[in-house]
């Protein structure tokens, strides 16, 4: 679970890191004649979009199959067998 949270936070931080690289590159150049506003709102929206997109992709690609027969947890020879989904048989 910690890995998943750290991945989402990393995706959120990517636009800010790219902007930091951009600023570092721009410091090597001569300063512009006009002052520019910092795009914090756009960076926040981009990071939040990547964060939300990661949850959507995670929901689509992860998880157990939803087709098949669910076998509830049960006891066999004194040991608890956890529940699982038995895959559906493919038609011939």
PDB file of N, CA and C in Angstrom:
ATOM      1  N   UNK A   1       0.823  -1.191   0.000  1.00  0.00           N
ATOM      2  CA  UNK A   1       0.000   0.000   0.000  1.00  0.00           C
ATOM      3  C   UNK A   1       0.869   1.258   0.000  1.00  0.00           C
ATOM      4  N   UNK A   2       1.971   1.208   0.737  1.00  0.00           N
ATOM      5  CA  UNK A   2       2.870   2.359   0.773  1.00  0.00           C
ATOM      6  C   UNK A   2       3.443   2.619  -0.613  1.00  0.00           C
ATOM      7  N   UNK A   3       3.778   1.558  -1.327  1.00  0.00           N
ATOM      8  CA  UNK A   3       4.320   1.710  -2.680  1.00  0.00           C
ATOM      9  C   UNK A   3       3.323   2.425  -3.586  1.00  0.00           C
ATOM     10  N   UNK A   4       2.058   2.065  -3.468  1.00  0.00           N
ATOM     11  CA  UNK A   4       1.026   2.678  -4.307  1.00  0.00           C
ATOM     12  C   UNK A   4       0.905   4.165  -3.995  1.00  0.00           C
ATOM     13  N   UNK A   5       0.909   4.510  -2.720  1.00  0.00           N
ATOM     14  CA  UNK A   5       0.799   5.918  -2.329  1.00  0.00           C
ATOM     15  C   UNK A   5       2.018   6.697  -2.809  1.00  0.00           C
ATOM     16  N   UNK A   6       3.209   6.118  -2.649  1.00  0.00           N
ATOM     17  CA  UNK A   6       4.419   6.809  -3.104  1.00  0.00           C
ATOM     18  C   UNK A   6       4.429   6.994  -4.617  1.00  0.00           C
ATOM     19  N   UNK A   7       3.915   6.025  -5.358  1.00  0.00           N
ATOM     20  CA  UNK A   7       3.829   6.185  -6.811  1.00  0.00           C
ATOM     21  C   UNK A   7       2.917   7.342  -7.182  1.00  0.00           C
ATOM     22  N   UNK A   8       1.773   7.450  -6.494  1.00  0.00           N
ATOM     23  CA  UNK A   8       0.839   8.544  -6.784  1.00  0.00           C
ATOM     24  C   UNK A   8       1.458   9.900  -6.442  1.00  0.00           C
ATOM     25  N   UNK A   9       2.162   9.977  -5.322  1.00  0.00           N
ATOM     26  CA  UNK A   9       2.809  11.230  -4.941  1.00  0.00           C
ATOM     27  C   UNK A   9       3.913  11.598  -5.929  1.00  0.00           C
ATOM     28  N   UNK A  10       4.620  10.594  -6.422  1.00  0.00           N
ATOM     29  CA  UNK A  10       5.655  10.847  -7.420  1.00  0.00           C
ATOM     30  C   UNK A  10       5.035  11.402  -8.702  1.00  0.00           C
ATOM     31  N   UNK A  11       3.924  10.808  -9.139  1.00  0.00           N
ATOM     32  CA  UNK A  11       3.252  11.319 -10.337  1.00  0.00           C
ATOM     33  C   UNK A  11       2.783  12.759 -10.132  1.00  0.00           C
ATOM     34  N   UNK A  12       2.331  13.071  -8.923  1.00  0.00           N
ATOM     35  CA  UNK A  12       1.893  14.432  -8.640  1.00  0.00           C
ATOM     36  C   UNK A  12       3.075  15.402  -8.691  1.00  0.00           C
ATOM     37  N   UNK A  13       4.257  14.950  -8.287  1.00  0.00           N
ATOM     38  CA  UNK A  13       5.425  15.820  -8.218  1.00  0.00           C
ATOM     39  C   UNK A  13       6.148  15.985  -9.553  1.00  0.00           C
ATOM     40  N   UNK A  14       5.849  15.156 -10.534  1.00  0.00           N
ATOM     41  CA  UNK A  14       6.552  15.202 -11.826  1.00  0.00           C
ATOM     42  C   UNK A  14       6.477  16.585 -12.490  1.00  0.00           C
ATOM     43  N   UNK A  15       5.315  17.230 -12.609  1.00  0.00           N
ATOM     44  CA  UNK A  15       5.293  18.540 -13.254  1.00  0.00           C
ATOM     45  C   UNK A  15       6.141  19.574 -12.513  1.00  0.00           C
ATOM     46  N   UNK A  16       6.168  19.510 -11.183  1.00  0.00           N
ATOM     47  CA  UNK A  16       6.963  20.456 -10.409  1.00  0.00           C
ATOM     48  C   UNK A  16       8.453  20.199 -10.621  1.00  0.00           C
ATOM     49  N   UNK A  17       8.845  18.930 -10.703  1.00  0.00           N
ATOM     50  CA  UNK A  17      10.250  18.601 -10.958  1.00  0.00           C
ATOM     51  C   UNK A  17      10.667  19.075 -12.354  1.00  0.00           C
ATOM     52  N   UNK A  18       9.806  18.868 -13.335  1.00  0.00           N
ATOM     53  CA  UNK A  18      10.116  19.344 -14.691  1.00  0.00           C
ATOM     54  C   UNK A  18      10.235  20.865 -14.726  1.00  0.00           C
ATOM     55  N   UNK A  19       9.395  21.532 -13.974  1.00  0.00           N
ATOM     56  CA  UNK A  19       9.489  22.989 -13.914  1.00  0.00           C
ATOM     57  C   UNK A  19      10.793  23.405 -13.236  1.00  0.00           C
ATOM     58  N   UNK A  20      11.223  22.661 -12.218  1.00  0.00           N
ATOM     59  CA  UNK A  20      12.500  22.953 -11.568  1.00  0.00           C
ATOM     60  C   UNK A  20      13.659  22.800 -12.532  1.00  0.00           C
ATOM     61  N   UNK A  21      13.617  21.754 -13.366  1.00  0.00           N
ATOM     62  CA  UNK A  21      14.655  21.569 -14.389  1.00  0.00           C
ATOM     63  C   UNK A  21      14.615  22.721 -15.379  1.00  0.00           C
ATOM     64  N   UNK A  22      13.420  23.127 -15.762  1.00  0.00           N
ATOM     65  CA  UNK A  22      13.263  24.253 -16.675  1.00  0.00           C
ATOM     66  C   UNK A  22      13.872  25.525 -16.074  1.00  0.00           C
ATOM     67  N   UNK A  23      13.602  25.771 -14.799  1.00  0.00           N
ATOM     68  CA  UNK A  23      14.168  26.963 -14.140  1.00  0.00           C
ATOM     69  C   UNK A  23      15.688  26.888 -14.086  1.00  0.00           C
ATOM     70  N   UNK A  24      16.230  25.704 -13.811  1.00  0.00           N
ATOM     71  CA  UNK A  24      17.684  25.553 -13.763  1.00  0.00           C
ATOM     72  C   UNK A  24      18.302  25.844 -15.120  1.00  0.00           C
ATOM     73  N   UNK A  25      17.665  25.392 -16.179  1.00  0.00           N
ATOM     74  CA  UNK A  25      18.168  25.663 -17.526  1.00  0.00           C
ATOM     75  C   UNK A  25      18.057  27.153 -17.842  1.00  0.00           C
ATOM     76  N   UNK A  26      16.960  27.761 -17.424  1.00  0.00           N
ATOM     77  CA  UNK A  26      16.757  29.185 -17.711  1.00  0.00           C
ATOM     78  C   UNK A  26      17.724  30.075 -16.937  1.00  0.00           C
ATOM     79  N   UNK A  27      18.233  29.616 -15.789  1.00  0.00           N
ATOM     80  CA  UNK A  27      19.206  30.406 -15.029  1.00  0.00           C
ATOM     81  C   UNK A  27      20.532  30.511 -15.763  1.00  0.00           C
ATOM     82  N   UNK A  28      20.805  29.575 -16.657  1.00  0.00           N
ATOM     83  CA  UNK A  28      22.041  29.604 -17.432  1.00  0.00           C
ATOM     84  C   UNK A  28      21.964  30.632 -18.563  1.00  0.00           C
ATOM     85  N   UNK A  29      20.772  31.026 -18.929  1.00  0.00           N
ATOM     86  CA  UNK A  29      20.585  31.977 -20.022  1.00  0.00           C
ATOM     87  C   UNK A  29      20.503  33.391 -19.461  1.00  0.00           C
ATOM     88  N   UNK A  30      20.681  34.397 -20.299  1.00  0.00           N
ATOM     89  CA  UNK A  30      20.524  35.776 -19.817  1.00  0.00           C
ATOM     90  C   UNK A  30      19.066  36.030 -19.423  1.00  0.00           C
ATOM     91  N   UNK A  31      18.829  36.843 -18.394  1.00  0.00           N
ATOM     92  CA  UNK A  31      17.453  37.087 -17.936  1.00  0.00           C
ATOM     93  C   UNK A  31      16.623  37.809 -19.002  1.00  0.00           C
ATOM     94  N   UNK A  32      15.326  37.475 -19.078  1.00  0.00           N
ATOM     95  CA  UNK A  32      14.460  38.158 -20.051  1.00  0.00           C
ATOM     96  C   UNK A  32      14.214  39.601 -19.600  1.00  0.00           C
ATOM     97  N   UNK A  33      13.782  40.410 -20.542  1.00  0.00           N
ATOM     98  CA  UNK A  33      13.560  41.818 -20.218  1.00  0.00           C
ATOM     99  C   UNK A  33      12.250  42.029 -19.464  1.00  0.00           C
ATOM    100  N   UNK A  34      11.312  41.117 -19.574  1.00  0.00           N
ATOM    101  CA  UNK A  34      10.042  41.239 -18.854  1.00  0.00           C
ATOM    102  C   UNK A  34       9.921  40.110 -17.831  1.00  0.00           C
ATOM    103  N   UNK A  35       9.260  40.395 -16.735  1.00  0.00           N
ATOM    104  CA  UNK A  35       9.056  39.380 -15.698  1.00  0.00           C
ATOM    105  C   UNK A  35       7.857  38.512 -16.075  1.00  0.00           C
ATOM    106  N   UNK A  36       7.968  37.221 -15.800  1.00  0.00           N
ATOM    107  CA  UNK A  36       6.868  36.299 -16.094  1.00  0.00           C
ATOM    108  C   UNK A  36       6.296  35.771 -14.789  1.00  0.00           C
ATOM    109  N   UNK A  37       5.014  35.499 -14.826  1.00  0.00           N
ATOM    110  CA  UNK A  37       4.357  34.906 -13.660  1.00  0.00           C
ATOM    111  C   UNK A  37       4.694  33.413 -13.599  1.00  0.00           C
ATOM    112  N   UNK A  38       4.743  32.886 -12.394  1.00  0.00           N
ATOM    113  CA  UNK A  38       5.025  31.462 -12.210  1.00  0.00           C
ATOM    114  C   UNK A  38       3.740  30.667 -12.433  1.00  0.00           C
ATOM    115  N   UNK A  39       3.794  29.600 -13.201  1.00  0.00           N
ATOM    116  CA  UNK A  39       2.585  28.839 -13.534  1.00  0.00           C
ATOM    117  C   UNK A  39       2.199  27.803 -12.471  1.00  0.00           C
ATOM    118  N   UNK A  40       2.083  28.205 -11.198  1.00  0.00           N
ATOM    119  CA  UNK A  40       1.776  27.243 -10.136  1.00  0.00           C
ATOM    120  C   UNK A  40       0.424  26.573 -10.340  1.00  0.00           C
ATOM    121  N   UNK A  41      -0.547  27.308 -10.809  1.00  0.00           N
ATOM    122  CA  UNK A  41      -1.876  26.725 -11.008  1.00  0.00           C
ATOM    123  C   UNK A  41      -1.831  25.629 -12.074  1.00  0.00           C
ATOM    124  N   UNK A  42      -1.162  25.909 -13.175  1.00  0.00           N
ATOM    125  CA  UNK A  42      -1.054  24.904 -14.237  1.00  0.00           C
ATOM    126  C   UNK A  42      -0.266  23.680 -13.770  1.00  0.00           C
ATOM    127  N   UNK A  43       0.781  23.901 -12.985  1.00  0.00           N
ATOM    128  CA  UNK A  43       1.553  22.778 -12.461  1.00  0.00           C
ATOM    129  C   UNK A  43       0.706  21.933 -11.516  1.00  0.00           C
ATOM    130  N   UNK A  44      -0.080  22.579 -10.673  1.00  0.00           N
ATOM    131  CA  UNK A  44      -0.937  21.857  -9.741  1.00  0.00           C
ATOM    132  C   UNK A  44      -1.986  21.044 -10.498  1.00  0.00           C
ATOM    133  N   UNK A  45      -2.604  21.637 -11.501  1.00  0.00           N
ATOM    134  CA  UNK A  45      -3.621  20.931 -12.294  1.00  0.00           C
ATOM    135  C   UNK A  45      -2.993  19.751 -13.038  1.00  0.00           C
ATOM    136  N   UNK A  46      -1.792  19.942 -13.589  1.00  0.00           N
ATOM    137  CA  UNK A  46      -1.117  18.846 -14.303  1.00  0.00           C
ATOM    138  C   UNK A  46      -0.785  17.703 -13.344  1.00  0.00           C
ATOM    139  N   UNK A  47      -0.267  18.035 -12.172  1.00  0.00           N
ATOM    140  CA  UNK A  47       0.045  17.003 -11.186  1.00  0.00           C
ATOM    141  C   UNK A  47      -1.192  16.283 -10.703  1.00  0.00           C
ATOM    142  N   UNK A  48      -2.257  17.017 -10.449  1.00  0.00           N
ATOM    143  CA  UNK A  48      -3.507  16.418  -9.995  1.00  0.00           C
ATOM    144  C   UNK A  48      -4.110  15.529 -11.086  1.00  0.00           C
ATOM    145  N   UNK A  49      -3.973  15.937 -12.332  1.00  0.00           N
ATOM    146  CA  UNK A  49      -4.477  15.123 -13.440  1.00  0.00           C
ATOM    147  C   UNK A  49      -3.711  13.805 -13.551  1.00  0.00           C
ATOM    148  N   UNK A  50      -2.384  13.860 -13.427  1.00  0.00           N
ATOM    149  CA  UNK A  50      -1.589  12.625 -13.457  1.00  0.00           C
ATOM    150  C   UNK A  50      -1.950  11.723 -12.277  1.00  0.00           C
ATOM    151  N   UNK A  51      -2.174  12.321 -11.126  1.00  0.00           N
ATOM    152  CA  UNK A  51      -2.560  11.585  -9.919  1.00  0.00           C
ATOM    153  C   UNK A  51      -3.879  10.850 -10.153  1.00  0.00           C
ATOM    154  N   UNK A  52      -4.886  11.553 -10.677  1.00  0.00           N
ATOM    155  CA  UNK A  52      -6.194  10.946 -10.934  1.00  0.00           C
ATOM    156  C   UNK A  52      -6.096   9.895 -12.038  1.00  0.00           C
ATOM    157  N   UNK A  53      -5.336  10.175 -13.065  1.00  0.00           N
ATOM    158  CA  UNK A  53      -5.170   9.228 -14.162  1.00  0.00           C
ATOM    159  C   UNK A  53      -4.520   7.930 -13.685  1.00  0.00           C
ATOM    160  N   UNK A  54      -3.602   8.037 -12.735  1.00  0.00           N
ATOM    161  CA  UNK A  54      -2.963   6.824 -12.218  1.00  0.00           C
ATOM    162  C   UNK A  54      -3.979   5.934 -11.504  1.00  0.00           C
ATOM    163  N   UNK A  55      -4.947   6.515 -10.792  1.00  0.00           N
ATOM    164  CA  UNK A  55      -5.976   5.713 -10.149  1.00  0.00           C
ATOM    165  C   UNK A  55      -6.886   5.054 -11.172  1.00  0.00           C
ATOM    166  N   UNK A  56      -7.194   5.748 -12.242  1.00  0.00           N
ATOM    167  CA  UNK A  56      -8.043   5.177 -13.287  1.00  0.00           C
ATOM    168  C   UNK A  56      -7.334   4.000 -13.953  1.00  0.00           C
ATOM    169  N   UNK A  57      -6.054   4.186 -14.299  1.00  0.00           N
ATOM    170  CA  UNK A  57      -5.295   3.106 -14.933  1.00  0.00           C
ATOM    171  C   UNK A  57      -5.131   1.939 -13.973  1.00  0.00           C
ATOM    172  N   UNK A  58      -4.882   2.233 -12.704  1.00  0.00           N
ATOM    173  CA  UNK A  58      -4.735   1.178 -11.696  1.00  0.00           C
ATOM    174  C   UNK A  58      -6.028   0.373 -11.568  1.00  0.00           C
ATOM    175  N   UNK A  59      -7.160   1.058 -11.589  1.00  0.00           N
ATOM    176  CA  UNK A  59      -8.444   0.370 -11.481  1.00  0.00           C
ATOM    177  C   UNK A  59      -8.741  -0.511 -12.675  1.00  0.00           C
ATOM    178  N   UNK A  60      -8.266  -0.118 -13.833  1.00  0.00           N
ATOM    179  CA  UNK A  60      -8.513  -0.904 -15.045  1.00  0.00           C
ATOM    180  C   UNK A  60      -7.581  -2.112 -15.137  1.00  0.00           C
ATOM    181  N   UNK A  61      -6.328  -1.944 -14.732  1.00  0.00           N
ATOM    182  CA  UNK A  61      -5.337  -2.995 -14.965  1.00  0.00           C
ATOM    183  C   UNK A  61      -5.110  -3.934 -13.794  1.00  0.00           C
ATOM    184  N   UNK A  62      -5.513  -3.586 -12.588  1.00  0.00           N
ATOM    185  CA  UNK A  62      -5.248  -4.426 -11.417  1.00  0.00           C
ATOM    186  C   UNK A  62      -6.499  -5.159 -10.975  1.00  0.00           C
ATOM    187  N   UNK A  63      -6.313  -6.112 -10.094  1.00  0.00           N
ATOM    188  CA  UNK A  63      -7.451  -6.766  -9.476  1.00  0.00           C
ATOM    189  C   UNK A  63      -7.703  -8.165  -9.991  1.00  0.00           C
ATOM    190  N   UNK A  64      -8.594  -8.816  -9.310  1.00  0.00           N
ATOM    191  CA  UNK A  64      -8.988 -10.174  -9.654  1.00  0.00           C
ATOM    192  C   UNK A  64      -9.978 -10.149 -10.816  1.00  0.00           C
ATOM    193  N   UNK A  65     -10.056 -11.245 -11.577  1.00  0.00           N
ATOM    194  CA  UNK A  65     -11.064 -11.303 -12.634  1.00  0.00           C
ATOM    195  C   UNK A  65     -12.467 -11.344 -12.016  1.00  0.00           C
ATOM    196  N   UNK A  66     -13.411 -10.725 -12.669  1.00  0.00           N
ATOM    197  CA  UNK A  66     -14.775 -10.681 -12.142  1.00  0.00           C
ATOM    198  C   UNK A  66     -15.648 -11.779 -12.718  1.00  0.00           C
ATOM    199  N   UNK A  67     -15.129 -12.541 -13.646  1.00  0.00           N
ATOM    200  CA  UNK A  67     -15.910 -13.650 -14.193  1.00  0.00           C
ATOM    201  C   UNK A  67     -15.471 -14.943 -13.534  1.00  0.00           C
ATOM    202  N   UNK A  68     -16.386 -15.824 -13.335  1.00  0.00           N
ATOM    203  CA  UNK A  68     -16.069 -17.104 -12.722  1.00  0.00           C
ATOM    204  C   UNK A  68     -16.932 -17.338 -11.498  1.00  0.00           C
ATOM    205  N   UNK A  69     -16.572 -18.348 -10.747  1.00  0.00           N
ATOM    206  CA  UNK A  69     -17.337 -18.769  -9.577  1.00  0.00           C
ATOM    207  C   UNK A  69     -16.562 -18.388  -8.319  1.00  0.00           C
ATOM    208  N   UNK A  70     -17.206 -17.638  -7.417  1.00  0.00           N
ATOM    209  CA  UNK A  70     -16.568 -17.253  -6.166  1.00  0.00           C
ATOM    210  C   UNK A  70     -16.706 -18.394  -5.164  1.00  0.00           C
ATOM    211  N   UNK A  71     -15.594 -18.801  -4.596  1.00  0.00           N
ATOM    212  CA  UNK A  71     -15.586 -19.828  -3.560  1.00  0.00           C
ATOM    213  C   UNK A  71     -15.282 -19.126  -2.250  1.00  0.00           C
ATOM    214  N   UNK A  72     -16.226 -19.164  -1.318  1.00  0.00           N
ATOM    215  CA  UNK A  72     -16.089 -18.469  -0.039  1.00  0.00           C
ATOM    216  C   UNK A  72     -15.018 -19.142   0.822  1.00  0.00           C
ATOM    217  N   UNK A  73     -14.474 -18.401   1.785  1.00  0.00           N
ATOM    218  CA  UNK A  73     -13.503 -19.019   2.701  1.00  0.00           C
ATOM    219  C   UNK A  73     -14.142 -20.208   3.422  1.00  0.00           C
ATOM    220  N   UNK A  74     -13.363 -21.263   3.603  1.00  0.00           N
ATOM    221  CA  UNK A  74     -13.880 -22.447   4.270  1.00  0.00           C
ATOM    222  C   UNK A  74     -12.740 -23.159   5.012  1.00  0.00           C
ATOM    223  N   UNK A  75     -13.109 -24.138   5.829  1.00  0.00           N
ATOM    224  CA  UNK A  75     -12.135 -24.867   6.627  1.00  0.00           C
ATOM    225  C   UNK A  75     -11.938 -26.260   6.027  1.00  0.00           C
ATOM    226  N   UNK A  76     -10.670 -26.631   5.804  1.00  0.00           N
ATOM    227  CA  UNK A  76     -10.322 -27.956   5.299  1.00  0.00           C
ATOM    228  C   UNK A  76      -9.265 -28.527   6.235  1.00  0.00           C
ATOM    229  N   UNK A  77      -9.576 -29.633   6.863  1.00  0.00           N
ATOM    230  CA  UNK A  77      -8.653 -30.307   7.789  1.00  0.00           C
ATOM    231  C   UNK A  77      -8.139 -29.357   8.874  1.00  0.00           C
ATOM    232  N   UNK A  78      -9.018 -28.505   9.376  1.00  0.00           N
ATOM    233  CA  UNK A  78      -8.656 -27.602  10.454  1.00  0.00           C
ATOM    234  C   UNK A  78      -7.917 -26.354  10.020  1.00  0.00           C
ATOM    235  N   UNK A  79      -7.721 -26.148   8.728  1.00  0.00           N
ATOM    236  CA  UNK A  79      -7.039 -24.950   8.225  1.00  0.00           C
ATOM    237  C   UNK A  79      -8.017 -24.137   7.392  1.00  0.00           C
ATOM    238  N   UNK A  80      -7.935 -22.811   7.556  1.00  0.00           N
ATOM    239  CA  UNK A  80      -8.819 -21.909   6.812  1.00  0.00           C
ATOM    240  C   UNK A  80      -8.246 -21.691   5.414  1.00  0.00           C
ATOM    241  N   UNK A  81      -9.066 -21.967   4.423  1.00  0.00           N
ATOM    242  CA  UNK A  81      -8.703 -21.721   3.031  1.00  0.00           C
ATOM    243  C   UNK A  81      -9.358 -20.398   2.642  1.00  0.00           C
ATOM    244  N   UNK A  82      -8.571 -19.382   2.252  1.00  0.00           N
ATOM    245  CA  UNK A  82      -9.159 -18.086   1.910  1.00  0.00           C
ATOM    246  C   UNK A  82     -10.058 -18.180   0.676  1.00  0.00           C
ATOM    247  N   UNK A  83     -10.974 -17.215   0.563  1.00  0.00           N
ATOM    248  CA  UNK A  83     -11.860 -17.180  -0.595  1.00  0.00           C
ATOM    249  C   UNK A  83     -11.091 -16.851  -1.864  1.00  0.00           C
ATOM    250  N   UNK A  84     -11.593 -17.290  -2.989  1.00  0.00           N
ATOM    251  CA  UNK A  84     -10.960 -17.031  -4.275  1.00  0.00           C
ATOM    252  C   UNK A  84     -12.008 -17.129  -5.381  1.00  0.00           C
ATOM    253  N   UNK A  85     -11.606 -16.674  -6.562  1.00  0.00           N
ATOM    254  CA  UNK A  85     -12.479 -16.755  -7.737  1.00  0.00           C
ATOM    255  C   UNK A  85     -11.949 -17.862  -8.625  1.00  0.00           C
ATOM    256  N   UNK A  86     -12.787 -18.860  -8.831  1.00  0.00           N
ATOM    257  CA  UNK A  86     -12.423 -19.969  -9.730  1.00  0.00           C
ATOM    258  C   UNK A  86     -12.755 -19.521 -11.143  1.00  0.00           C
ATOM    259  N   UNK A  87     -11.774 -19.471 -12.044  1.00  0.00           N
ATOM    260  CA  UNK A  87     -12.020 -18.977 -13.407  1.00  0.00           C
ATOM    261  C   UNK A  87     -13.138 -19.790 -14.097  1.00  0.00           C
ATOM    262  N   UNK A  88     -13.916 -19.083 -14.892  1.00  0.00           N
ATOM    263  CA  UNK A  88     -14.993 -19.736 -15.646  1.00  0.00           C
ATOM    264  C   UNK A  88     -14.380 -20.627 -16.705  1.00  0.00           C
ATOM    265  N   UNK A  89     -15.049 -21.732 -16.973  1.00  0.00           N
ATOM    266  CA  UNK A  89     -14.565 -22.642 -18.010  1.00  0.00           C
ATOM    267  C   UNK A  89     -14.853 -22.043 -19.372  1.00  0.00           C
ATOM    268  N   UNK A  90     -13.895 -22.183 -20.253  1.00  0.00           N
ATOM    269  CA  UNK A  90     -14.055 -21.640 -21.600  1.00  0.00           C
ATOM    270  C   UNK A  90     -14.892 -22.598 -22.438  1.00  0.00           C
ATOM    271  N   UNK A  91     -15.819 -22.066 -23.226  1.00  0.00           N
ATOM    272  CA  UNK A  91     -16.619 -22.938 -24.095  1.00  0.00           C
ATOM    273  C   UNK A  91     -15.744 -23.573 -25.163  1.00  0.00           C
ATOM    274  N   UNK A  92     -16.123 -24.769 -25.529  1.00  0.00           N
ATOM    275  CA  UNK A  92     -15.335 -25.490 -26.552  1.00  0.00           C
ATOM    276  C   UNK A  92     -15.859 -25.249 -27.922  1.00  0.00           C
TER     277      UNK A  92
END
